[in-house]
Amino acid sequence: MLIAFEGLDQSGKETQARHLRARIEQDGRKVHALSFPDYDTPIGREIAAALRGERDFSADVMQLLYVANRMEFKPRIDSWLDSGEVVVCDRYVASSVAYGEAQGLDSPWLRDIQRFLPAPTITVLLDIAPETAASRKRSGRDKYERDLGLLARVRESYRRQAAAENWILINGEQPKDAVSAAVAAAVLPRLAPR
């Protein structure tokens, strides 16, 4: 199974992915964790440079870089899934759709360029307001994190995707323990039997 956590920056994706991974491992399952973008790859380093303002890539080029960064991991993801293992991702394909749409890119194109990536089995949206994202990280925000209008459009795209694709929608404004409990209650019963 591939479980993807989506949401704005500071919505708790990394924390909740870590908590869920630990819960699944307690059941004796093999779990792999990925976080996108992965800044340790050559493509990831280009993404990081662009987010710091050191590169001036257009919105479509940025989304192609994000997708290419995920494609770098496709052989590993395929291998893990073929072995019956669980993959938990902090951001995945829906983030390109959300951020791309928010910047005026075509949604069908954003989906099409990712069609060769393994589809998530479960997607969890940790929903927070843009103002909450900004208040949780007051300094060191990248160019996307500083643009509250963009973040509002990203949130709306995520919410549209969640409604259309039957995602798990969790209120990320709650305390971390409440979010963890809600994630576990929604996801664990959906895990395929070993």
N, C-alpha and C. Protein backbone atom coordinates (compact mmCIF):
# COMPACT_ATOMS: atom_id res chain seq x y z
N MET A 1 0.83 -1.19 0.00
CA MET A 1 0.00 0.00 0.00
C MET A 1 0.87 1.24 0.00
N LEU A 2 0.43 2.26 -0.69
CA LEU A 2 1.11 3.55 -0.70
C LEU A 2 0.16 4.56 -0.06
N ILE A 3 0.59 5.13 1.05
CA ILE A 3 -0.20 6.11 1.79
C ILE A 3 0.46 7.47 1.64
N ALA A 4 -0.27 8.44 1.12
CA ALA A 4 0.27 9.78 0.89
C ALA A 4 -0.38 10.77 1.85
N PHE A 5 0.45 11.57 2.51
CA PHE A 5 -0.03 12.68 3.31
C PHE A 5 0.13 13.95 2.49
N GLU A 6 -0.94 14.72 2.41
CA GLU A 6 -0.95 15.97 1.66
C GLU A 6 -1.44 17.09 2.56
N GLY A 7 -1.11 18.32 2.17
CA GLY A 7 -1.55 19.50 2.90
C GLY A 7 -0.53 20.62 2.77
N LEU A 8 -0.90 21.78 3.26
CA LEU A 8 0.01 22.92 3.24
C LEU A 8 1.22 22.64 4.10
N ASP A 9 2.28 23.39 3.87
CA ASP A 9 3.44 23.31 4.76
C ASP A 9 2.98 23.63 6.17
N GLN A 10 3.57 22.96 7.14
CA GLN A 10 3.27 23.13 8.57
C GLN A 10 1.92 22.53 8.96
N SER A 11 1.35 21.69 8.09
CA SER A 11 0.07 21.05 8.44
C SER A 11 0.27 19.81 9.30
N GLY A 12 1.51 19.37 9.45
CA GLY A 12 1.79 18.20 10.29
C GLY A 12 2.04 16.93 9.49
N LYS A 13 2.25 17.04 8.19
CA LYS A 13 2.44 15.86 7.34
C LYS A 13 3.60 14.99 7.82
N GLU A 14 4.74 15.61 8.05
CA GLU A 14 5.93 14.85 8.47
C GLU A 14 5.68 14.14 9.80
N THR A 15 5.14 14.86 10.76
CA THR A 15 4.87 14.30 12.09
C THR A 15 3.87 13.15 11.99
N GLN A 16 2.77 13.36 11.28
CA GLN A 16 1.73 12.34 11.20
C GLN A 16 2.18 11.14 10.38
N ALA A 17 2.99 11.36 9.34
CA ALA A 17 3.54 10.24 8.57
C ALA A 17 4.44 9.39 9.48
N ARG A 18 5.23 10.04 10.30
CA ARG A 18 6.12 9.32 11.23
C ARG A 18 5.31 8.52 12.25
N HIS A 19 4.27 9.14 12.81
CA HIS A 19 3.42 8.45 13.79
C HIS A 19 2.72 7.24 13.17
N LEU A 20 2.18 7.43 11.96
CA LEU A 20 1.47 6.33 11.31
C LEU A 20 2.44 5.19 10.98
N ARG A 21 3.61 5.56 10.49
CA ARG A 21 4.61 4.53 10.18
C ARG A 21 4.92 3.69 11.41
N ALA A 22 5.09 4.33 12.56
CA ALA A 22 5.38 3.61 13.81
C ALA A 22 4.22 2.68 14.17
N ARG A 23 2.99 3.15 14.01
CA ARG A 23 1.82 2.30 14.32
C ARG A 23 1.77 1.07 13.41
N ILE A 24 2.05 1.27 12.13
CA ILE A 24 2.01 0.15 11.19
C ILE A 24 3.14 -0.83 11.48
N GLU A 25 4.31 -0.31 11.83
CA GLU A 25 5.45 -1.18 12.17
C GLU A 25 5.16 -2.00 13.41
N GLN A 26 4.39 -1.47 14.35
CA GLN A 26 4.01 -2.22 15.55
C GLN A 26 3.25 -3.49 15.20
N ASP A 27 2.58 -3.47 14.06
CA ASP A 27 1.84 -4.65 13.60
C ASP A 27 2.74 -5.63 12.85
N GLY A 28 4.05 -5.36 12.85
CA GLY A 28 5.00 -6.27 12.22
C GLY A 28 5.15 -6.11 10.72
N ARG A 29 4.68 -4.99 10.19
CA ARG A 29 4.79 -4.75 8.76
C ARG A 29 6.06 -3.97 8.44
N LYS A 30 6.58 -4.18 7.26
CA LYS A 30 7.73 -3.41 6.76
C LYS A 30 7.18 -2.12 6.14
N VAL A 31 7.71 -0.97 6.62
CA VAL A 31 7.22 0.33 6.16
C VAL A 31 8.41 1.18 5.70
N HIS A 32 8.25 1.82 4.57
CA HIS A 32 9.27 2.74 4.03
C HIS A 32 8.70 4.15 4.04
N ALA A 33 9.53 5.12 4.41
CA ALA A 33 9.10 6.51 4.46
C ALA A 33 9.83 7.32 3.40
N LEU A 34 9.07 8.15 2.71
CA LEU A 34 9.63 9.08 1.73
C LEU A 34 9.05 10.46 1.98
N SER A 35 9.85 11.47 1.70
CA SER A 35 9.39 12.85 1.82
C SER A 35 9.78 13.58 0.54
N PHE A 36 8.79 14.21 -0.08
CA PHE A 36 9.04 14.93 -1.32
C PHE A 36 8.78 16.41 -1.16
N PRO A 37 9.61 17.27 -1.76
CA PRO A 37 10.78 16.88 -2.54
C PRO A 37 11.89 16.34 -1.66
N ASP A 38 12.70 15.46 -2.25
CA ASP A 38 13.90 14.95 -1.59
C ASP A 38 15.06 15.82 -2.07
N TYR A 39 15.55 16.66 -1.18
CA TYR A 39 16.57 17.64 -1.55
C TYR A 39 17.97 17.04 -1.67
N ASP A 40 18.13 15.74 -1.42
CA ASP A 40 19.45 15.11 -1.48
C ASP A 40 19.82 14.63 -2.87
N THR A 41 18.89 14.67 -3.82
CA THR A 41 19.19 14.24 -5.18
C THR A 41 19.59 15.47 -6.01
N PRO A 42 20.22 15.26 -7.18
CA PRO A 42 20.54 16.42 -8.03
C PRO A 42 19.31 17.25 -8.39
N ILE A 43 18.22 16.58 -8.72
CA ILE A 43 16.99 17.31 -9.05
C ILE A 43 16.47 18.04 -7.81
N GLY A 44 16.51 17.37 -6.67
CA GLY A 44 16.08 17.99 -5.42
C GLY A 44 16.89 19.24 -5.08
N ARG A 45 18.18 19.20 -5.38
CA ARG A 45 19.01 20.39 -5.11
C ARG A 45 18.60 21.57 -6.00
N GLU A 46 18.19 21.29 -7.23
CA GLU A 46 17.70 22.36 -8.11
C GLU A 46 16.40 22.94 -7.56
N ILE A 47 15.54 22.08 -7.06
CA ILE A 47 14.29 22.54 -6.46
C ILE A 47 14.57 23.44 -5.27
N ALA A 48 15.48 23.00 -4.41
CA ALA A 48 15.83 23.79 -3.22
C ALA A 48 16.39 25.15 -3.61
N ALA A 49 17.24 25.18 -4.63
CA ALA A 49 17.80 26.45 -5.09
C ALA A 49 16.70 27.37 -5.60
N ALA A 50 15.74 26.83 -6.31
CA ALA A 50 14.63 27.64 -6.81
C ALA A 50 13.78 28.18 -5.67
N LEU A 51 13.53 27.35 -4.66
CA LEU A 51 12.72 27.81 -3.52
C LEU A 51 13.42 28.89 -2.72
N ARG A 52 14.75 28.89 -2.75
CA ARG A 52 15.51 29.95 -2.07
C ARG A 52 15.64 31.20 -2.94
N GLY A 53 15.14 31.15 -4.18
CA GLY A 53 15.21 32.30 -5.07
C GLY A 53 16.50 32.36 -5.87
N GLU A 54 17.28 31.28 -5.89
CA GLU A 54 18.55 31.25 -6.62
C GLU A 54 18.37 30.81 -8.07
N ARG A 55 17.22 30.31 -8.42
CA ARG A 55 16.88 29.93 -9.79
C ARG A 55 15.54 30.58 -10.11
N ASP A 56 15.33 30.88 -11.39
CA ASP A 56 14.08 31.51 -11.79
C ASP A 56 13.36 30.61 -12.79
N PHE A 57 12.77 29.52 -12.28
CA PHE A 57 12.04 28.59 -13.12
C PHE A 57 10.57 28.99 -13.16
N SER A 58 9.95 28.79 -14.31
CA SER A 58 8.51 29.03 -14.44
C SER A 58 7.76 27.97 -13.65
N ALA A 59 6.46 28.20 -13.44
CA ALA A 59 5.63 27.27 -12.67
C ALA A 59 5.61 25.88 -13.30
N ASP A 60 5.53 25.81 -14.65
CA ASP A 60 5.50 24.49 -15.27
C ASP A 60 6.82 23.75 -15.13
N VAL A 61 7.92 24.46 -15.23
CA VAL A 61 9.23 23.82 -15.04
C VAL A 61 9.38 23.34 -13.60
N MET A 62 8.91 24.12 -12.64
CA MET A 62 8.98 23.68 -11.24
C MET A 62 8.20 22.38 -11.05
N GLN A 63 7.01 22.29 -11.61
CA GLN A 63 6.22 21.07 -11.44
C GLN A 63 6.88 19.89 -12.14
N LEU A 64 7.51 20.12 -13.29
CA LEU A 64 8.24 19.04 -13.94
C LEU A 64 9.41 18.57 -13.07
N LEU A 65 10.06 19.50 -12.39
CA LEU A 65 11.15 19.12 -11.48
C LEU A 65 10.62 18.30 -10.30
N TYR A 66 9.49 18.73 -9.74
CA TYR A 66 8.90 17.97 -8.63
C TYR A 66 8.55 16.54 -9.07
N VAL A 67 7.95 16.42 -10.24
CA VAL A 67 7.59 15.09 -10.75
C VAL A 67 8.85 14.27 -11.02
N ALA A 68 9.85 14.89 -11.63
CA ALA A 68 11.11 14.18 -11.89
C ALA A 68 11.75 13.70 -10.59
N ASN A 69 11.65 14.50 -9.54
CA ASN A 69 12.18 14.11 -8.23
C ASN A 69 11.47 12.86 -7.72
N ARG A 70 10.17 12.78 -7.90
CA ARG A 70 9.43 11.57 -7.49
C ARG A 70 9.80 10.38 -8.38
N MET A 71 9.97 10.64 -9.67
CA MET A 71 10.33 9.56 -10.60
C MET A 71 11.68 8.95 -10.25
N GLU A 72 12.57 9.73 -9.63
CA GLU A 72 13.86 9.17 -9.20
C GLU A 72 13.65 8.00 -8.23
N PHE A 73 12.54 8.00 -7.52
CA PHE A 73 12.27 6.97 -6.51
C PHE A 73 11.32 5.89 -7.01
N LYS A 74 10.82 6.01 -8.22
CA LYS A 74 9.84 5.06 -8.74
C LYS A 74 10.33 3.61 -8.69
N PRO A 75 11.56 3.30 -9.12
CA PRO A 75 11.99 1.89 -9.04
C PRO A 75 11.93 1.32 -7.62
N ARG A 76 12.33 2.13 -6.64
CA ARG A 76 12.27 1.67 -5.25
C ARG A 76 10.83 1.49 -4.79
N ILE A 77 9.99 2.46 -5.10
CA ILE A 77 8.58 2.37 -4.70
C ILE A 77 7.94 1.12 -5.31
N ASP A 78 8.17 0.92 -6.61
CA ASP A 78 7.60 -0.26 -7.28
C ASP A 78 8.08 -1.54 -6.60
N SER A 79 9.36 -1.61 -6.28
CA SER A 79 9.93 -2.81 -5.66
C SER A 79 9.31 -3.06 -4.29
N TRP A 80 9.17 -2.00 -3.49
CA TRP A 80 8.58 -2.15 -2.15
C TRP A 80 7.13 -2.61 -2.25
N LEU A 81 6.38 -1.98 -3.15
CA LEU A 81 4.97 -2.35 -3.29
C LEU A 81 4.82 -3.77 -3.81
N ASP A 82 5.68 -4.16 -4.77
CA ASP A 82 5.64 -5.53 -5.29
C ASP A 82 5.94 -6.56 -4.21
N SER A 83 6.72 -6.15 -3.20
CA SER A 83 7.07 -7.04 -2.09
C SER A 83 6.01 -7.05 -1.00
N GLY A 84 4.92 -6.30 -1.19
CA GLY A 84 3.85 -6.27 -0.21
C GLY A 84 4.13 -5.35 0.98
N GLU A 85 5.10 -4.46 0.82
CA GLU A 85 5.46 -3.56 1.89
C GLU A 85 4.64 -2.27 1.79
N VAL A 86 4.67 -1.48 2.84
CA VAL A 86 3.91 -0.24 2.91
C VAL A 86 4.85 0.94 2.68
N VAL A 87 4.41 1.90 1.89
CA VAL A 87 5.17 3.12 1.64
C VAL A 87 4.33 4.28 2.15
N VAL A 88 4.93 5.12 2.99
CA VAL A 88 4.26 6.31 3.52
C VAL A 88 5.01 7.53 3.00
N CYS A 89 4.30 8.40 2.29
CA CYS A 89 4.92 9.59 1.67
C CYS A 89 4.41 10.87 2.33
N ASP A 90 5.35 11.74 2.62
CA ASP A 90 5.06 13.12 3.03
C ASP A 90 5.10 13.92 1.73
N ARG A 91 3.95 14.20 1.16
CA ARG A 91 3.70 14.80 -0.15
C ARG A 91 3.89 13.75 -1.24
N TYR A 92 3.02 13.87 -2.25
CA TYR A 92 3.16 12.96 -3.38
C TYR A 92 2.49 13.64 -4.59
N VAL A 93 1.81 12.90 -5.44
CA VAL A 93 1.34 13.43 -6.72
C VAL A 93 0.33 14.58 -6.58
N ALA A 94 -0.50 14.54 -5.56
CA ALA A 94 -1.53 15.58 -5.41
C ALA A 94 -0.93 16.96 -5.16
N SER A 95 0.27 17.01 -4.61
CA SER A 95 0.86 18.33 -4.35
C SER A 95 1.18 19.06 -5.64
N SER A 96 1.60 18.33 -6.68
CA SER A 96 1.84 18.99 -7.97
C SER A 96 0.54 19.51 -8.56
N VAL A 97 -0.53 18.76 -8.39
CA VAL A 97 -1.82 19.22 -8.90
C VAL A 97 -2.24 20.48 -8.13
N ALA A 98 -2.15 20.43 -6.81
CA ALA A 98 -2.60 21.56 -5.98
C ALA A 98 -1.77 22.82 -6.25
N TYR A 99 -0.46 22.70 -6.17
CA TYR A 99 0.39 23.89 -6.37
C TYR A 99 0.37 24.35 -7.82
N GLY A 100 0.33 23.39 -8.76
CA GLY A 100 0.27 23.76 -10.17
C GLY A 100 -1.01 24.48 -10.52
N GLU A 101 -2.16 23.92 -10.08
CA GLU A 101 -3.45 24.59 -10.32
C GLU A 101 -3.46 25.99 -9.72
N ALA A 102 -2.89 26.11 -8.52
CA ALA A 102 -2.88 27.41 -7.83
C ALA A 102 -2.07 28.44 -8.60
N GLN A 103 -1.19 27.96 -9.48
CA GLN A 103 -0.38 28.88 -10.29
C GLN A 103 -0.87 28.94 -11.73
N GLY A 104 -2.09 28.46 -11.96
CA GLY A 104 -2.71 28.60 -13.27
C GLY A 104 -2.39 27.50 -14.27
N LEU A 105 -1.77 26.40 -13.84
CA LEU A 105 -1.45 25.32 -14.76
C LEU A 105 -2.67 24.41 -14.94
N ASP A 106 -2.67 23.68 -16.03
CA ASP A 106 -3.78 22.82 -16.42
C ASP A 106 -3.80 21.54 -15.59
N SER A 107 -4.91 21.29 -14.91
CA SER A 107 -5.02 20.12 -14.04
C SER A 107 -4.85 18.80 -14.79
N PRO A 108 -5.50 18.61 -15.96
CA PRO A 108 -5.28 17.35 -16.68
C PRO A 108 -3.81 17.13 -17.04
N TRP A 109 -3.10 18.17 -17.43
CA TRP A 109 -1.68 18.03 -17.74
C TRP A 109 -0.89 17.63 -16.49
N LEU A 110 -1.20 18.26 -15.35
CA LEU A 110 -0.50 17.95 -14.11
C LEU A 110 -0.71 16.48 -13.71
N ARG A 111 -1.89 15.97 -13.96
CA ARG A 111 -2.16 14.55 -13.68
C ARG A 111 -1.45 13.65 -14.69
N ASP A 112 -1.49 14.05 -15.95
CA ASP A 112 -0.93 13.22 -17.02
C ASP A 112 0.58 13.04 -16.88
N ILE A 113 1.30 14.08 -16.49
CA ILE A 113 2.76 13.96 -16.39
C ILE A 113 3.18 13.04 -15.24
N GLN A 114 2.22 12.66 -14.40
CA GLN A 114 2.53 11.78 -13.27
C GLN A 114 1.92 10.39 -13.43
N ARG A 115 1.37 10.08 -14.61
CA ARG A 115 0.61 8.85 -14.79
C ARG A 115 1.45 7.59 -14.62
N PHE A 116 2.77 7.68 -14.72
CA PHE A 116 3.61 6.49 -14.57
C PHE A 116 4.08 6.27 -13.14
N LEU A 117 3.74 7.17 -12.25
CA LEU A 117 4.05 6.96 -10.83
C LEU A 117 2.99 6.06 -10.22
N PRO A 118 3.38 5.20 -9.26
CA PRO A 118 2.37 4.37 -8.60
C PRO A 118 1.33 5.26 -7.93
N ALA A 119 0.07 4.90 -8.12
CA ALA A 119 -1.02 5.69 -7.52
C ALA A 119 -1.11 5.39 -6.02
N PRO A 120 -1.41 6.41 -5.22
CA PRO A 120 -1.59 6.14 -3.79
C PRO A 120 -2.83 5.29 -3.55
N THR A 121 -2.72 4.41 -2.57
CA THR A 121 -3.85 3.59 -2.15
C THR A 121 -4.77 4.42 -1.27
N ILE A 122 -4.15 5.21 -0.40
CA ILE A 122 -4.87 6.08 0.54
C ILE A 122 -4.18 7.44 0.52
N THR A 123 -4.97 8.50 0.45
CA THR A 123 -4.44 9.85 0.58
C THR A 123 -5.12 10.51 1.77
N VAL A 124 -4.29 11.09 2.64
CA VAL A 124 -4.77 11.79 3.84
C VAL A 124 -4.46 13.27 3.66
N LEU A 125 -5.49 14.09 3.70
CA LEU A 125 -5.31 15.54 3.63
C LEU A 125 -5.40 16.11 5.04
N LEU A 126 -4.31 16.72 5.50
CA LEU A 126 -4.30 17.43 6.77
C LEU A 126 -4.61 18.88 6.46
N ASP A 127 -5.83 19.28 6.71
CA ASP A 127 -6.34 20.57 6.27
C ASP A 127 -6.13 21.65 7.32
N ILE A 128 -5.38 22.68 6.93
CA ILE A 128 -5.20 23.87 7.79
C ILE A 128 -5.36 25.11 6.93
N ALA A 129 -5.64 26.23 7.60
CA ALA A 129 -5.75 27.51 6.91
C ALA A 129 -4.36 28.05 6.59
N PRO A 130 -4.22 28.83 5.52
CA PRO A 130 -2.93 29.44 5.20
C PRO A 130 -2.36 30.25 6.37
N GLU A 131 -3.23 30.92 7.10
CA GLU A 131 -2.77 31.73 8.23
C GLU A 131 -2.16 30.85 9.33
N THR A 132 -2.70 29.65 9.49
CA THR A 132 -2.14 28.72 10.46
C THR A 132 -0.75 28.28 10.02
N ALA A 133 -0.61 27.99 8.72
CA ALA A 133 0.70 27.60 8.19
C ALA A 133 1.73 28.69 8.47
N ALA A 134 1.34 29.95 8.22
CA ALA A 134 2.26 31.07 8.44
C ALA A 134 2.59 31.25 9.92
N SER A 135 1.61 31.04 10.79
CA SER A 135 1.86 31.24 12.22
C SER A 135 2.73 30.13 12.81
N ARG A 136 2.71 28.95 12.21
CA ARG A 136 3.52 27.83 12.71
C ARG A 136 4.97 27.92 12.28
N LYS A 137 5.24 28.72 11.25
CA LYS A 137 6.62 28.92 10.79
C LYS A 137 6.78 30.40 10.47
N ARG A 138 7.28 31.14 11.43
CA ARG A 138 7.34 32.59 11.29
C ARG A 138 8.55 33.09 10.50
N SER A 139 9.62 32.30 10.45
CA SER A 139 10.81 32.75 9.72
C SER A 139 11.32 31.61 8.84
N GLY A 140 12.15 31.96 7.88
CA GLY A 140 12.75 30.97 7.01
C GLY A 140 11.77 30.34 6.02
N ARG A 141 10.68 31.06 5.71
CA ARG A 141 9.69 30.53 4.79
C ARG A 141 10.16 30.71 3.35
N ASP A 142 9.90 29.69 2.50
CA ASP A 142 10.28 29.80 1.10
C ASP A 142 9.26 30.65 0.34
N LYS A 143 9.49 30.81 -0.97
CA LYS A 143 8.65 31.74 -1.74
C LYS A 143 7.18 31.32 -1.76
N TYR A 144 6.89 30.03 -1.72
CA TYR A 144 5.49 29.58 -1.69
C TYR A 144 4.89 29.83 -0.32
N GLU A 145 5.64 29.57 0.73
CA GLU A 145 5.14 29.71 2.09
C GLU A 145 4.82 31.16 2.46
N ARG A 146 5.45 32.12 1.76
CA ARG A 146 5.21 33.53 2.05
C ARG A 146 3.99 34.09 1.33
N ASP A 147 3.45 33.36 0.37
CA ASP A 147 2.35 33.85 -0.47
C ASP A 147 1.02 33.28 0.02
N LEU A 148 0.33 34.02 0.91
CA LEU A 148 -0.92 33.51 1.49
C LEU A 148 -2.02 33.34 0.45
N GLY A 149 -2.05 34.18 -0.58
CA GLY A 149 -3.03 34.02 -1.64
C GLY A 149 -2.82 32.71 -2.39
N LEU A 150 -1.57 32.40 -2.69
CA LEU A 150 -1.25 31.13 -3.34
C LEU A 150 -1.66 29.97 -2.45
N LEU A 151 -1.33 30.06 -1.17
CA LEU A 151 -1.66 28.97 -0.24
C LEU A 151 -3.18 28.76 -0.14
N ALA A 152 -3.95 29.84 -0.21
CA ALA A 152 -5.40 29.70 -0.18
C ALA A 152 -5.89 28.94 -1.41
N ARG A 153 -5.30 29.22 -2.58
CA ARG A 153 -5.68 28.50 -3.80
C ARG A 153 -5.23 27.04 -3.73
N VAL A 154 -4.05 26.79 -3.16
CA VAL A 154 -3.56 25.43 -2.98
C VAL A 154 -4.53 24.65 -2.09
N ARG A 155 -4.94 25.27 -0.99
CA ARG A 155 -5.86 24.60 -0.07
C ARG A 155 -7.17 24.24 -0.79
N GLU A 156 -7.69 25.17 -1.58
CA GLU A 156 -8.94 24.89 -2.30
C GLU A 156 -8.76 23.74 -3.28
N SER A 157 -7.62 23.67 -3.96
CA SER A 157 -7.36 22.56 -4.86
C SER A 157 -7.31 21.24 -4.10
N TYR A 158 -6.60 21.24 -2.98
CA TYR A 158 -6.55 20.03 -2.16
C TYR A 158 -7.95 19.59 -1.75
N ARG A 159 -8.76 20.53 -1.34
CA ARG A 159 -10.11 20.19 -0.87
C ARG A 159 -10.98 19.67 -2.01
N ARG A 160 -10.83 20.24 -3.20
CA ARG A 160 -11.56 19.74 -4.37
C ARG A 160 -11.12 18.31 -4.69
N GLN A 161 -9.81 18.09 -4.69
CA GLN A 161 -9.29 16.74 -4.97
C GLN A 161 -9.80 15.74 -3.93
N ALA A 162 -9.77 16.15 -2.66
CA ALA A 162 -10.20 15.26 -1.58
C ALA A 162 -11.66 14.84 -1.76
N ALA A 163 -12.51 15.79 -2.12
CA ALA A 163 -13.93 15.49 -2.31
C ALA A 163 -14.14 14.59 -3.53
N ALA A 164 -13.42 14.86 -4.60
CA ALA A 164 -13.61 14.11 -5.85
C ALA A 164 -13.03 12.70 -5.77
N GLU A 165 -12.00 12.51 -4.95
CA GLU A 165 -11.27 11.24 -4.97
C GLU A 165 -11.41 10.45 -3.68
N ASN A 166 -12.34 10.84 -2.80
CA ASN A 166 -12.63 10.10 -1.58
C ASN A 166 -11.41 9.94 -0.67
N TRP A 167 -10.70 11.04 -0.46
CA TRP A 167 -9.56 11.02 0.45
C TRP A 167 -10.06 11.05 1.89
N ILE A 168 -9.15 10.80 2.80
CA ILE A 168 -9.40 11.01 4.22
C ILE A 168 -9.06 12.46 4.52
N LEU A 169 -10.02 13.21 5.02
CA LEU A 169 -9.83 14.63 5.33
C LEU A 169 -9.81 14.78 6.84
N ILE A 170 -8.68 15.29 7.36
CA ILE A 170 -8.48 15.47 8.80
C ILE A 170 -8.27 16.95 9.08
N ASN A 171 -8.93 17.46 10.11
CA ASN A 171 -8.74 18.84 10.54
C ASN A 171 -7.36 18.95 11.20
N GLY A 172 -6.41 19.55 10.51
CA GLY A 172 -5.04 19.70 11.01
C GLY A 172 -4.88 20.82 12.02
N GLU A 173 -5.95 21.54 12.30
CA GLU A 173 -5.90 22.63 13.29
C GLU A 173 -5.96 22.07 14.72
N GLN A 174 -6.32 20.80 14.88
CA GLN A 174 -6.43 20.18 16.20
C GLN A 174 -5.04 19.96 16.81
N PRO A 175 -4.98 19.68 18.11
CA PRO A 175 -3.70 19.29 18.72
C PRO A 175 -3.13 18.04 18.04
N LYS A 176 -1.81 17.90 18.06
CA LYS A 176 -1.14 16.79 17.36
C LYS A 176 -1.68 15.43 17.76
N ASP A 177 -1.92 15.22 19.06
CA ASP A 177 -2.41 13.92 19.51
C ASP A 177 -3.79 13.61 18.94
N ALA A 178 -4.63 14.63 18.84
CA ALA A 178 -5.97 14.43 18.27
C ALA A 178 -5.87 14.11 16.79
N VAL A 179 -4.96 14.78 16.09
CA VAL A 179 -4.76 14.50 14.67
C VAL A 179 -4.26 13.07 14.50
N SER A 180 -3.28 12.67 15.32
CA SER A 180 -2.74 11.30 15.25
C SER A 180 -3.82 10.26 15.46
N ALA A 181 -4.68 10.50 16.45
CA ALA A 181 -5.76 9.56 16.73
C ALA A 181 -6.73 9.48 15.56
N ALA A 182 -7.04 10.63 14.96
CA ALA A 182 -7.96 10.66 13.82
C ALA A 182 -7.35 9.94 12.61
N VAL A 183 -6.06 10.16 12.38
CA VAL A 183 -5.38 9.48 11.26
C VAL A 183 -5.40 7.97 11.47
N ALA A 184 -5.02 7.53 12.67
CA ALA A 184 -4.99 6.09 12.95
C ALA A 184 -6.37 5.47 12.80
N ALA A 185 -7.38 6.14 13.32
CA ALA A 185 -8.75 5.60 13.24
C ALA A 185 -9.24 5.50 11.80
N ALA A 186 -8.81 6.42 10.96
CA ALA A 186 -9.26 6.42 9.56
C ALA A 186 -8.44 5.49 8.68
N VAL A 187 -7.13 5.39 8.94
CA VAL A 187 -6.24 4.65 8.03
C VAL A 187 -6.08 3.19 8.41
N LEU A 188 -5.85 2.90 9.67
CA LEU A 188 -5.51 1.53 10.06
C LEU A 188 -6.55 0.50 9.64
N PRO A 189 -7.85 0.78 9.75
CA PRO A 189 -8.83 -0.21 9.30
C PRO A 189 -8.78 -0.47 7.79
N ARG A 190 -8.21 0.46 7.01
CA ARG A 190 -8.16 0.31 5.57
C ARG A 190 -6.93 -0.46 5.08
N LEU A 191 -6.00 -0.75 5.98
CA LEU A 191 -4.80 -1.46 5.56
C LEU A 191 -5.18 -2.84 5.07
N ALA A 192 -4.58 -3.20 3.96
CA ALA A 192 -4.83 -4.54 3.39
C ALA A 192 -4.27 -5.59 4.32
N PRO A 193 -4.95 -6.72 4.45
CA PRO A 193 -4.41 -7.78 5.30
C PRO A 193 -3.10 -8.30 4.72
N ARG A 194 -2.24 -8.76 5.65
CA ARG A 194 -0.94 -9.27 5.20
C ARG A 194 -1.10 -10.62 4.56
